[in-house]
């Protein structure tokens, strides 16, 4: 993403380039670590009908005290509301294979949530984990719904946990929230808009609410394929401006207008992705409903 003017402002809240979360849709695997710290073991019965947040880390160079501190906060704040926080310690240095060392570090940083000591990377492989600092979000039905990685995503992690708790029937207050827009491709950042300059690109918007509208325009009419959570938009939540054809969802964009993409009767966390073919598409803004 680039700007041709030194003082170009971004009216589209939260525009950023970032890795897209992976929608895994795997089942929560059986955990077979080398040892457990702060728990005898976490069995399937212990997480039944609960939301689980799994975090992979090490106490080596990749260690993030900020992330661990926030997880400790979530553990204390939400364990009584159905959230289970599990840290998976996978050694990045030889000395980290010493369980006594891991215990000492956990005590040093005040970690009280369960830690799976994964010296053989069995849990890492079971989750198909890719990075240190990666979060895996598991819903109350035992399905891995999302993965995210990064040091500065504490708010997003909390939003995702709260959403899954609400979805499971817990009453955790949450108003409409916008997490951000991820742009892929060659985008120009103008004064109050972003415009695709390359031949191909995509817009990826994450939000929590009852629906979302996007203000878009294109000098030439464009037909954009749109998905929600990696799938065509379900008829029960499809917005009035969405066209359903051949099992796929599309948005027709021409003159500037607000396009209704999705509506539903409850607050949920969603990810909308639009694939853009051909330069000229502009995104001027968006609105989360509810």
C-alpha atoms as a PDB file:
ATOM      1  CA  UNK A   1       0.000   0.000   0.000  1.00  0.00           C
ATOM      2  CA  UNK A   2       1.450   3.385  -0.930  1.00  0.00           C
ATOM      3  CA  UNK A   3       0.701   7.090  -0.783  1.00  0.00           C
ATOM      4  CA  UNK A   4       1.501   9.621  -3.508  1.00  0.00           C
ATOM      5  CA  UNK A   5       1.087  12.561  -1.163  1.00  0.00           C
ATOM      6  CA  UNK A   6       3.147  13.046   2.005  1.00  0.00           C
ATOM      7  CA  UNK A   7       0.137  14.065   4.095  1.00  0.00           C
ATOM      8  CA  UNK A   8      -2.478  11.690   2.713  1.00  0.00           C
ATOM      9  CA  UNK A   9      -5.064  10.915   5.369  1.00  0.00           C
ATOM     10  CA  UNK A  10      -6.920   7.637   5.783  1.00  0.00           C
ATOM     11  CA  UNK A  11     -10.604   8.123   6.467  1.00  0.00           C
ATOM     12  CA  UNK A  12     -11.185   4.371   6.307  1.00  0.00           C
ATOM     13  CA  UNK A  13     -10.728   3.499   9.980  1.00  0.00           C
ATOM     14  CA  UNK A  14      -8.167   0.831  10.687  1.00  0.00           C
ATOM     15  CA  UNK A  15      -6.708   0.386   7.182  1.00  0.00           C
ATOM     16  CA  UNK A  16      -3.601  -1.742   7.416  1.00  0.00           C
ATOM     17  CA  UNK A  17      -1.662  -4.488   5.710  1.00  0.00           C
ATOM     18  CA  UNK A  18      -1.727  -7.600   7.845  1.00  0.00           C
ATOM     19  CA  UNK A  19      -1.766 -11.388   7.639  1.00  0.00           C
ATOM     20  CA  UNK A  20      -5.234 -12.806   7.169  1.00  0.00           C
ATOM     21  CA  UNK A  21      -6.419 -15.113   9.930  1.00  0.00           C
ATOM     22  CA  UNK A  22      -6.785 -18.738   8.964  1.00  0.00           C
ATOM     23  CA  UNK A  23     -10.229 -20.329   9.229  1.00  0.00           C
ATOM     24  CA  UNK A  24      -9.188 -23.790  10.278  1.00  0.00           C
ATOM     25  CA  UNK A  25     -12.485 -25.518  11.098  1.00  0.00           C
ATOM     26  CA  UNK A  26     -10.586 -28.424  12.669  1.00  0.00           C
ATOM     27  CA  UNK A  27     -11.711 -30.157  15.837  1.00  0.00           C
ATOM     28  CA  UNK A  28      -9.925 -29.427  19.092  1.00  0.00           C
ATOM     29  CA  UNK A  29      -7.202 -32.120  19.176  1.00  0.00           C
ATOM     30  CA  UNK A  30      -6.231 -34.367  22.044  1.00  0.00           C
ATOM     31  CA  UNK A  31      -3.369 -32.714  23.902  1.00  0.00           C
ATOM     32  CA  UNK A  32      -0.311 -34.891  24.551  1.00  0.00           C
ATOM     33  CA  UNK A  33       2.394 -32.555  25.885  1.00  0.00           C
ATOM     34  CA  UNK A  34       5.601 -33.521  27.668  1.00  0.00           C
ATOM     35  CA  UNK A  35       4.198 -32.152  30.934  1.00  0.00           C
ATOM     36  CA  UNK A  36       1.665 -29.735  32.391  1.00  0.00           C
ATOM     37  CA  UNK A  37       2.311 -26.701  34.565  1.00  0.00           C
ATOM     38  CA  UNK A  38      -0.452 -25.113  36.665  1.00  0.00           C
ATOM     39  CA  UNK A  39      -2.720 -28.092  35.954  1.00  0.00           C
ATOM     40  CA  UNK A  40      -2.624 -31.879  36.260  1.00  0.00           C
ATOM     41  CA  UNK A  41      -3.808 -32.094  32.659  1.00  0.00           C
ATOM     42  CA  UNK A  42      -6.475 -30.559  30.451  1.00  0.00           C
ATOM     43  CA  UNK A  43      -8.778 -33.317  29.290  1.00  0.00           C
ATOM     44  CA  UNK A  44     -11.596 -33.066  26.710  1.00  0.00           C
ATOM     45  CA  UNK A  45     -14.124 -33.138  29.573  1.00  0.00           C
ATOM     46  CA  UNK A  46     -12.471 -30.038  31.055  1.00  0.00           C
ATOM     47  CA  UNK A  47     -13.194 -27.943  27.964  1.00  0.00           C
ATOM     48  CA  UNK A  48     -16.554 -29.424  26.993  1.00  0.00           C
ATOM     49  CA  UNK A  49     -19.054 -26.631  26.211  1.00  0.00           C
ATOM     50  CA  UNK A  50     -16.355 -24.037  26.882  1.00  0.00           C
ATOM     51  CA  UNK A  51     -14.489 -21.557  24.703  1.00  0.00           C
ATOM     52  CA  UNK A  52     -10.763 -22.263  24.547  1.00  0.00           C
ATOM     53  CA  UNK A  53      -7.968 -19.834  23.725  1.00  0.00           C
ATOM     54  CA  UNK A  54      -4.669 -21.564  22.920  1.00  0.00           C
ATOM     55  CA  UNK A  55      -1.440 -19.544  22.699  1.00  0.00           C
ATOM     56  CA  UNK A  56       1.917 -20.873  21.449  1.00  0.00           C
ATOM     57  CA  UNK A  57       5.034 -19.284  22.896  1.00  0.00           C
ATOM     58  CA  UNK A  58       8.536 -19.786  24.184  1.00  0.00           C
ATOM     59  CA  UNK A  59      10.616 -18.070  26.863  1.00  0.00           C
ATOM     60  CA  UNK A  60      13.390 -17.488  24.312  1.00  0.00           C
ATOM     61  CA  UNK A  61      13.878 -14.609  21.906  1.00  0.00           C
ATOM     62  CA  UNK A  62      10.269 -14.877  20.704  1.00  0.00           C
ATOM     63  CA  UNK A  63       8.781 -14.297  24.164  1.00  0.00           C
ATOM     64  CA  UNK A  64       6.167 -11.537  24.455  1.00  0.00           C
ATOM     65  CA  UNK A  65       5.563 -10.417  28.025  1.00  0.00           C
ATOM     66  CA  UNK A  66       2.730  -8.187  26.778  1.00  0.00           C
ATOM     67  CA  UNK A  67       0.824 -11.097  25.255  1.00  0.00           C
ATOM     68  CA  UNK A  68       1.303 -13.302  28.317  1.00  0.00           C
ATOM     69  CA  UNK A  69       0.189 -10.510  30.635  1.00  0.00           C
ATOM     70  CA  UNK A  70      -2.989 -10.011  28.616  1.00  0.00           C
ATOM     71  CA  UNK A  71      -3.693 -13.746  28.628  1.00  0.00           C
ATOM     72  CA  UNK A  72      -3.313 -13.766  32.401  1.00  0.00           C
ATOM     73  CA  UNK A  73      -5.830 -10.930  32.546  1.00  0.00           C
ATOM     74  CA  UNK A  74      -8.310 -12.849  30.356  1.00  0.00           C
ATOM     75  CA  UNK A  75      -7.774 -15.995  32.433  1.00  0.00           C
ATOM     76  CA  UNK A  76      -8.715 -14.172  35.625  1.00  0.00           C
ATOM     77  CA  UNK A  77     -11.514 -12.123  34.079  1.00  0.00           C
ATOM     78  CA  UNK A  78     -13.318 -14.776  32.038  1.00  0.00           C
ATOM     79  CA  UNK A  79     -12.585 -18.231  33.449  1.00  0.00           C
ATOM     80  CA  UNK A  80     -15.806 -18.002  35.431  1.00  0.00           C
ATOM     81  CA  UNK A  81     -17.681 -17.157  32.232  1.00  0.00           C
ATOM     82  CA  UNK A  82     -16.623 -20.242  30.307  1.00  0.00           C
ATOM     83  CA  UNK A  83     -13.223 -19.286  28.859  1.00  0.00           C
ATOM     84  CA  UNK A  84     -10.275 -21.670  29.176  1.00  0.00           C
ATOM     85  CA  UNK A  85      -6.838 -20.186  28.438  1.00  0.00           C
ATOM     86  CA  UNK A  86      -4.048 -22.650  27.602  1.00  0.00           C
ATOM     87  CA  UNK A  87      -0.450 -21.709  26.933  1.00  0.00           C
ATOM     88  CA  UNK A  88       1.662 -24.095  24.870  1.00  0.00           C
ATOM     89  CA  UNK A  89       5.375 -23.700  25.541  1.00  0.00           C
ATOM     90  CA  UNK A  90       7.418 -24.976  22.595  1.00  0.00           C
ATOM     91  CA  UNK A  91      11.177 -24.563  23.176  1.00  0.00           C
ATOM     92  CA  UNK A  92      13.152 -22.331  20.863  1.00  0.00           C
ATOM     93  CA  UNK A  93      16.370 -22.881  22.860  1.00  0.00           C
ATOM     94  CA  UNK A  94      17.835 -26.066  24.298  1.00  0.00           C
ATOM     95  CA  UNK A  95      17.645 -24.804  27.888  1.00  0.00           C
ATOM     96  CA  UNK A  96      13.877 -24.357  27.511  1.00  0.00           C
ATOM     97  CA  UNK A  97      13.444 -28.134  27.429  1.00  0.00           C
ATOM     98  CA  UNK A  98      14.172 -28.133  31.151  1.00  0.00           C
ATOM     99  CA  UNK A  99      10.757 -28.257  32.817  1.00  0.00           C
ATOM    100  CA  UNK A 100      12.168 -26.680  35.981  1.00  0.00           C
ATOM    101  CA  UNK A 101      13.295 -23.707  33.882  1.00  0.00           C
ATOM    102  CA  UNK A 102       9.817 -23.328  32.375  1.00  0.00           C
ATOM    103  CA  UNK A 103       8.221 -23.518  35.825  1.00  0.00           C
ATOM    104  CA  UNK A 104      10.582 -20.845  37.137  1.00  0.00           C
ATOM    105  CA  UNK A 105       9.822 -18.528  34.214  1.00  0.00           C
ATOM    106  CA  UNK A 106       6.094 -19.065  34.598  1.00  0.00           C
ATOM    107  CA  UNK A 107       6.356 -18.079  38.259  1.00  0.00           C
ATOM    108  CA  UNK A 108       8.545 -15.094  37.395  1.00  0.00           C
ATOM    109  CA  UNK A 109       5.926 -13.698  35.026  1.00  0.00           C
ATOM    110  CA  UNK A 110       2.976 -14.591  37.252  1.00  0.00           C
ATOM    111  CA  UNK A 111       1.401 -17.055  34.829  1.00  0.00           C
ATOM    112  CA  UNK A 112      -1.481 -18.932  36.456  1.00  0.00           C
ATOM    113  CA  UNK A 113      -3.231 -20.398  33.426  1.00  0.00           C
ATOM    114  CA  UNK A 114      -2.368 -24.003  32.369  1.00  0.00           C
ATOM    115  CA  UNK A 115       0.797 -24.458  30.341  1.00  0.00           C
ATOM    116  CA  UNK A 116       1.381 -27.487  28.126  1.00  0.00           C
ATOM    117  CA  UNK A 117       5.143 -28.087  27.941  1.00  0.00           C
ATOM    118  CA  UNK A 118       5.546 -29.180  24.335  1.00  0.00           C
ATOM    119  CA  UNK A 119       9.176 -30.304  24.111  1.00  0.00           C
ATOM    120  CA  UNK A 120       8.441 -32.706  21.242  1.00  0.00           C
ATOM    121  CA  UNK A 121       6.177 -30.244  19.390  1.00  0.00           C
ATOM    122  CA  UNK A 122       3.290 -32.733  19.475  1.00  0.00           C
ATOM    123  CA  UNK A 123       0.718 -30.075  20.379  1.00  0.00           C
ATOM    124  CA  UNK A 124       2.272 -27.678  17.846  1.00  0.00           C
ATOM    125  CA  UNK A 125       1.738 -30.264  15.091  1.00  0.00           C
ATOM    126  CA  UNK A 126      -1.730 -31.224  16.302  1.00  0.00           C
ATOM    127  CA  UNK A 127      -2.879 -27.608  15.890  1.00  0.00           C
ATOM    128  CA  UNK A 128      -0.911 -27.167  12.661  1.00  0.00           C
ATOM    129  CA  UNK A 129       0.627 -24.146  14.347  1.00  0.00           C
ATOM    130  CA  UNK A 130       2.883 -21.941  12.199  1.00  0.00           C
ATOM    131  CA  UNK A 131       4.445 -19.283  14.415  1.00  0.00           C
ATOM    132  CA  UNK A 132       5.426 -18.394  17.939  1.00  0.00           C
ATOM    133  CA  UNK A 133       2.900 -15.907  19.227  1.00  0.00           C
ATOM    134  CA  UNK A 134       0.003 -17.572  17.391  1.00  0.00           C
ATOM    135  CA  UNK A 135      -3.474 -17.710  18.934  1.00  0.00           C
ATOM    136  CA  UNK A 136      -6.055 -20.423  18.201  1.00  0.00           C
ATOM    137  CA  UNK A 137      -9.716 -19.767  19.040  1.00  0.00           C
ATOM    138  CA  UNK A 138     -11.890 -22.814  19.766  1.00  0.00           C
ATOM    139  CA  UNK A 139     -15.669 -22.516  20.134  1.00  0.00           C
ATOM    140  CA  UNK A 140     -17.871 -24.298  22.660  1.00  0.00           C
ATOM    141  CA  UNK A 141     -18.533 -27.099  20.171  1.00  0.00           C
ATOM    142  CA  UNK A 142     -14.828 -27.935  20.010  1.00  0.00           C
ATOM    143  CA  UNK A 143     -14.158 -26.421  16.577  1.00  0.00           C
ATOM    144  CA  UNK A 144     -11.042 -24.343  15.918  1.00  0.00           C
ATOM    145  CA  UNK A 145     -12.628 -21.256  14.417  1.00  0.00           C
ATOM    146  CA  UNK A 146      -9.783 -18.817  13.862  1.00  0.00           C
ATOM    147  CA  UNK A 147      -6.053 -18.354  14.216  1.00  0.00           C
ATOM    148  CA  UNK A 148      -4.193 -15.052  14.556  1.00  0.00           C
ATOM    149  CA  UNK A 149      -0.634 -14.062  15.303  1.00  0.00           C
ATOM    150  CA  UNK A 150       1.061 -10.871  16.428  1.00  0.00           C
ATOM    151  CA  UNK A 151       2.184  -8.968  19.502  1.00  0.00           C
ATOM    152  CA  UNK A 152      -0.154  -5.970  19.242  1.00  0.00           C
ATOM    153  CA  UNK A 153      -3.532  -7.658  18.851  1.00  0.00           C
ATOM    154  CA  UNK A 154      -4.651  -7.786  22.490  1.00  0.00           C
ATOM    155  CA  UNK A 155      -7.928  -6.010  21.715  1.00  0.00           C
ATOM    156  CA  UNK A 156      -8.657  -8.348  18.821  1.00  0.00           C
ATOM    157  CA  UNK A 157      -7.940 -11.416  20.955  1.00  0.00           C
ATOM    158  CA  UNK A 158     -10.310 -10.208  23.661  1.00  0.00           C
ATOM    159  CA  UNK A 159     -12.992  -9.345  21.105  1.00  0.00           C
ATOM    160  CA  UNK A 160     -12.762 -12.815  19.582  1.00  0.00           C
ATOM    161  CA  UNK A 161     -12.990 -14.516  22.975  1.00  0.00           C
ATOM    162  CA  UNK A 162     -15.978 -12.407  23.992  1.00  0.00           C
ATOM    163  CA  UNK A 163     -17.720 -13.104  20.700  1.00  0.00           C
ATOM    164  CA  UNK A 164     -17.342 -16.867  21.052  1.00  0.00           C
ATOM    165  CA  UNK A 165     -18.578 -16.693  24.636  1.00  0.00           C
ATOM    166  CA  UNK A 166     -21.644 -14.738  23.525  1.00  0.00           C
ATOM    167  CA  UNK A 167     -22.209 -17.197  20.723  1.00  0.00           C
ATOM    168  CA  UNK A 168     -22.150 -20.039  23.252  1.00  0.00           C
ATOM    169  CA  UNK A 169     -24.961 -18.400  25.218  1.00  0.00           C
ATOM    170  CA  UNK A 170     -22.952 -16.495  27.808  1.00  0.00           C
ATOM    171  CA  UNK A 171     -23.889 -12.884  28.478  1.00  0.00           C
ATOM    172  CA  UNK A 172     -20.733 -10.871  27.987  1.00  0.00           C
ATOM    173  CA  UNK A 173     -21.508  -7.286  26.998  1.00  0.00           C
ATOM    174  CA  UNK A 174     -20.085  -6.188  23.683  1.00  0.00           C
ATOM    175  CA  UNK A 175     -21.087  -3.358  21.417  1.00  0.00           C
ATOM    176  CA  UNK A 176     -20.382  -3.155  17.671  1.00  0.00           C
ATOM    177  CA  UNK A 177     -16.664  -3.087  16.989  1.00  0.00           C
ATOM    178  CA  UNK A 178     -14.426  -2.728  13.951  1.00  0.00           C
ATOM    179  CA  UNK A 179     -11.159  -4.614  14.080  1.00  0.00           C
ATOM    180  CA  UNK A 180      -9.656  -3.350  10.844  1.00  0.00           C
ATOM    181  CA  UNK A 181      -9.308  -3.578   7.095  1.00  0.00           C
ATOM    182  CA  UNK A 182      -6.581  -5.616   5.442  1.00  0.00           C
ATOM    183  CA  UNK A 183      -5.703  -4.666   1.876  1.00  0.00           C
ATOM    184  CA  UNK A 184      -3.835  -6.951  -0.493  1.00  0.00           C
ATOM    185  CA  UNK A 185      -2.467  -5.625  -3.768  1.00  0.00           C
ATOM    186  CA  UNK A 186      -1.190  -2.241  -4.956  1.00  0.00           C
ATOM    187  CA  UNK A 187      -3.373   0.374  -3.263  1.00  0.00           C
ATOM    188  CA  UNK A 188      -3.086   4.162  -3.357  1.00  0.00           C
ATOM    189  CA  UNK A 189      -3.987   5.899  -0.079  1.00  0.00           C
ATOM    190  CA  UNK A 190      -5.767   9.135  -0.927  1.00  0.00           C
ATOM    191  CA  UNK A 191      -7.546  11.801   1.101  1.00  0.00           C
ATOM    192  CA  UNK A 192     -10.528   9.887   2.466  1.00  0.00           C
ATOM    193  CA  UNK A 193     -10.268   6.777   0.321  1.00  0.00           C
ATOM    194  CA  UNK A 194      -8.078   3.929  -0.877  1.00  0.00           C
ATOM    195  CA  UNK A 195      -7.946   2.945  -4.559  1.00  0.00           C
ATOM    196  CA  UNK A 196      -6.662  -0.201  -6.246  1.00  0.00           C
ATOM    197  CA  UNK A 197      -3.963   0.654  -8.791  1.00  0.00           C
ATOM    198  CA  UNK A 198      -2.810  -2.867  -9.588  1.00  0.00           C
ATOM    199  CA  UNK A 199      -4.613  -5.506 -11.667  1.00  0.00           C
ATOM    200  CA  UNK A 200      -5.776  -7.589  -8.694  1.00  0.00           C
ATOM    201  CA  UNK A 201      -6.403  -7.049  -5.015  1.00  0.00           C
ATOM    202  CA  UNK A 202      -8.650  -7.858  -2.095  1.00  0.00           C
ATOM    203  CA  UNK A 203     -10.369  -6.136   0.815  1.00  0.00           C
ATOM    204  CA  UNK A 204     -10.664  -8.030   4.078  1.00  0.00           C
ATOM    205  CA  UNK A 205     -12.801  -6.478   6.839  1.00  0.00           C
ATOM    206  CA  UNK A 206     -13.257  -7.936  10.325  1.00  0.00           C
ATOM    207  CA  UNK A 207     -16.050  -6.662  12.561  1.00  0.00           C
ATOM    208  CA  UNK A 208     -18.382  -7.532  15.420  1.00  0.00           C
ATOM    209  CA  UNK A 209     -21.963  -6.419  15.014  1.00  0.00           C
ATOM    210  CA  UNK A 210     -25.301  -7.204  13.380  1.00  0.00           C
ATOM    211  CA  UNK A 211     -24.191  -6.311   9.878  1.00  0.00           C
ATOM    212  CA  UNK A 212     -21.908  -4.149   7.747  1.00  0.00           C
ATOM    213  CA  UNK A 213     -22.191  -1.605   4.902  1.00  0.00           C
ATOM    214  CA  UNK A 214     -19.331  -0.511   2.642  1.00  0.00           C
ATOM    215  CA  UNK A 215     -19.047   2.707   0.656  1.00  0.00           C
ATOM    216  CA  UNK A 216     -17.533   1.767  -2.705  1.00  0.00           C
ATOM    217  CA  UNK A 217     -17.211   3.163  -6.215  1.00  0.00           C
ATOM    218  CA  UNK A 218     -15.644   2.241  -9.559  1.00  0.00           C
ATOM    219  CA  UNK A 219     -15.276   4.196 -12.833  1.00  0.00           C
ATOM    220  CA  UNK A 220     -16.226   1.008 -14.656  1.00  0.00           C
ATOM    221  CA  UNK A 221     -18.887  -1.335 -13.315  1.00  0.00           C
ATOM    222  CA  UNK A 222     -17.319  -4.182 -11.347  1.00  0.00           C
ATOM    223  CA  UNK A 223     -18.713  -7.477 -10.114  1.00  0.00           C
ATOM    224  CA  UNK A 224     -16.914  -8.402  -6.889  1.00  0.00           C
ATOM    225  CA  UNK A 225     -17.059 -11.868  -5.371  1.00  0.00           C
ATOM    226  CA  UNK A 226     -17.841 -11.547  -1.658  1.00  0.00           C
ATOM    227  CA  UNK A 227     -17.453 -14.130   1.099  1.00  0.00           C
ATOM    228  CA  UNK A 228     -18.164 -14.075   4.819  1.00  0.00           C
ATOM    229  CA  UNK A 229     -15.952 -16.254   7.016  1.00  0.00           C
ATOM    230  CA  UNK A 230     -14.530 -17.825   3.866  1.00  0.00           C
ATOM    231  CA  UNK A 231     -17.920 -18.943   2.477  1.00  0.00           C
ATOM    232  CA  UNK A 232     -20.593 -17.482   0.156  1.00  0.00           C
ATOM    233  CA  UNK A 233     -22.976 -15.326   2.174  1.00  0.00           C
ATOM    234  CA  UNK A 234     -25.760 -17.413   3.703  1.00  0.00           C
ATOM    235  CA  UNK A 235     -29.300 -16.464   2.565  1.00  0.00           C
ATOM    236  CA  UNK A 236     -30.289 -15.858   6.203  1.00  0.00           C
ATOM    237  CA  UNK A 237     -27.830 -12.970   6.587  1.00  0.00           C
ATOM    238  CA  UNK A 238     -27.378 -11.671   3.024  1.00  0.00           C
ATOM    239  CA  UNK A 239     -27.608  -7.895   2.565  1.00  0.00           C
ATOM    240  CA  UNK A 240     -29.966  -6.287   0.049  1.00  0.00           C
ATOM    241  CA  UNK A 241     -27.137  -5.323  -2.340  1.00  0.00           C
ATOM    242  CA  UNK A 242     -25.711  -8.827  -2.626  1.00  0.00           C
ATOM    243  CA  UNK A 243     -26.439 -10.939  -5.703  1.00  0.00           C
ATOM    244  CA  UNK A 244     -26.423 -14.729  -5.376  1.00  0.00           C
ATOM    245  CA  UNK A 245     -25.404 -16.608  -8.542  1.00  0.00           C
ATOM    246  CA  UNK A 246     -24.155 -20.119  -9.066  1.00  0.00           C
ATOM    247  CA  UNK A 247     -23.607 -20.747  -5.378  1.00  0.00           C
ATOM    248  CA  UNK A 248     -21.490 -17.592  -5.004  1.00  0.00           C
ATOM    249  CA  UNK A 249     -22.147 -14.075  -3.689  1.00  0.00           C
ATOM    250  CA  UNK A 250     -21.406 -10.912  -5.648  1.00  0.00           C
ATOM    251  CA  UNK A 251     -21.569  -7.138  -5.255  1.00  0.00           C
ATOM    252  CA  UNK A 252     -22.097  -4.843  -8.254  1.00  0.00           C
ATOM    253  CA  UNK A 253     -20.133  -1.606  -7.869  1.00  0.00           C
ATOM    254  CA  UNK A 254     -20.414   1.483 -10.048  1.00  0.00           C
ATOM    255  CA  UNK A 255     -21.256   4.987  -8.837  1.00  0.00           C
ATOM    256  CA  UNK A 256     -20.387   5.809  -5.237  1.00  0.00           C
ATOM    257  CA  UNK A 257     -22.947   4.426  -2.792  1.00  0.00           C
ATOM    258  CA  UNK A 258     -23.261   2.560   0.467  1.00  0.00           C
ATOM    259  CA  UNK A 259     -23.649  -1.164  -0.188  1.00  0.00           C
ATOM    260  CA  UNK A 260     -25.465  -3.335   2.345  1.00  0.00           C
ATOM    261  CA  UNK A 261     -23.470  -6.567   2.622  1.00  0.00           C
ATOM    262  CA  UNK A 262     -24.885  -8.410   5.644  1.00  0.00           C
ATOM    263  CA  UNK A 263     -27.641  -8.215   8.247  1.00  0.00           C
ATOM    264  CA  UNK A 264     -28.507 -10.532  11.131  1.00  0.00           C
ATOM    265  CA  UNK A 265     -30.393 -10.417  14.400  1.00  0.00           C
ATOM    266  CA  UNK A 266     -27.491 -10.773  16.813  1.00  0.00           C
ATOM    267  CA  UNK A 267     -23.970  -9.474  17.271  1.00  0.00           C
ATOM    268  CA  UNK A 268     -21.413 -11.801  15.768  1.00  0.00           C
ATOM    269  CA  UNK A 269     -17.788 -11.650  14.706  1.00  0.00           C
ATOM    270  CA  UNK A 270     -17.478 -11.854  10.936  1.00  0.00           C
ATOM    271  CA  UNK A 271     -14.832 -11.465   8.284  1.00  0.00           C
ATOM    272  CA  UNK A 272     -15.899 -10.098   4.910  1.00  0.00           C
ATOM    273  CA  UNK A 273     -13.550 -10.580   1.977  1.00  0.00           C
ATOM    274  CA  UNK A 274     -13.947  -9.088  -1.497  1.00  0.00           C
ATOM    275  CA  UNK A 275     -11.815 -10.102  -4.460  1.00  0.00           C
ATOM    276  CA  UNK A 276     -11.141  -7.223  -6.838  1.00  0.00           C
ATOM    277  CA  UNK A 277     -10.204  -7.690 -10.504  1.00  0.00           C
ATOM    278  CA  UNK A 278      -8.990  -4.626 -12.367  1.00  0.00           C
ATOM    279  CA  UNK A 279      -7.817  -1.253 -11.096  1.00  0.00           C
ATOM    280  CA  UNK A 280      -9.996   1.679 -10.113  1.00  0.00           C
ATOM    281  CA  UNK A 281     -12.081   0.358  -7.231  1.00  0.00           C
ATOM    282  CA  UNK A 282     -12.334   2.825  -4.341  1.00  0.00           C
ATOM    283  CA  UNK A 283     -13.212   2.141  -0.725  1.00  0.00           C
ATOM    284  CA  UNK A 284     -14.331   5.319   1.057  1.00  0.00           C
ATOM    285  CA  UNK A 285     -15.649   3.928   4.309  1.00  0.00           C
ATOM    286  CA  UNK A 286     -17.727   1.333   6.105  1.00  0.00           C
ATOM    287  CA  UNK A 287     -20.300   1.120   8.880  1.00  0.00           C
ATOM    288  CA  UNK A 288     -20.895  -1.678  11.357  1.00  0.00           C
ATOM    289  CA  UNK A 289     -24.549  -1.982  12.382  1.00  0.00           C
ATOM    290  CA  UNK A 290     -25.850  -2.879  15.830  1.00  0.00           C
END
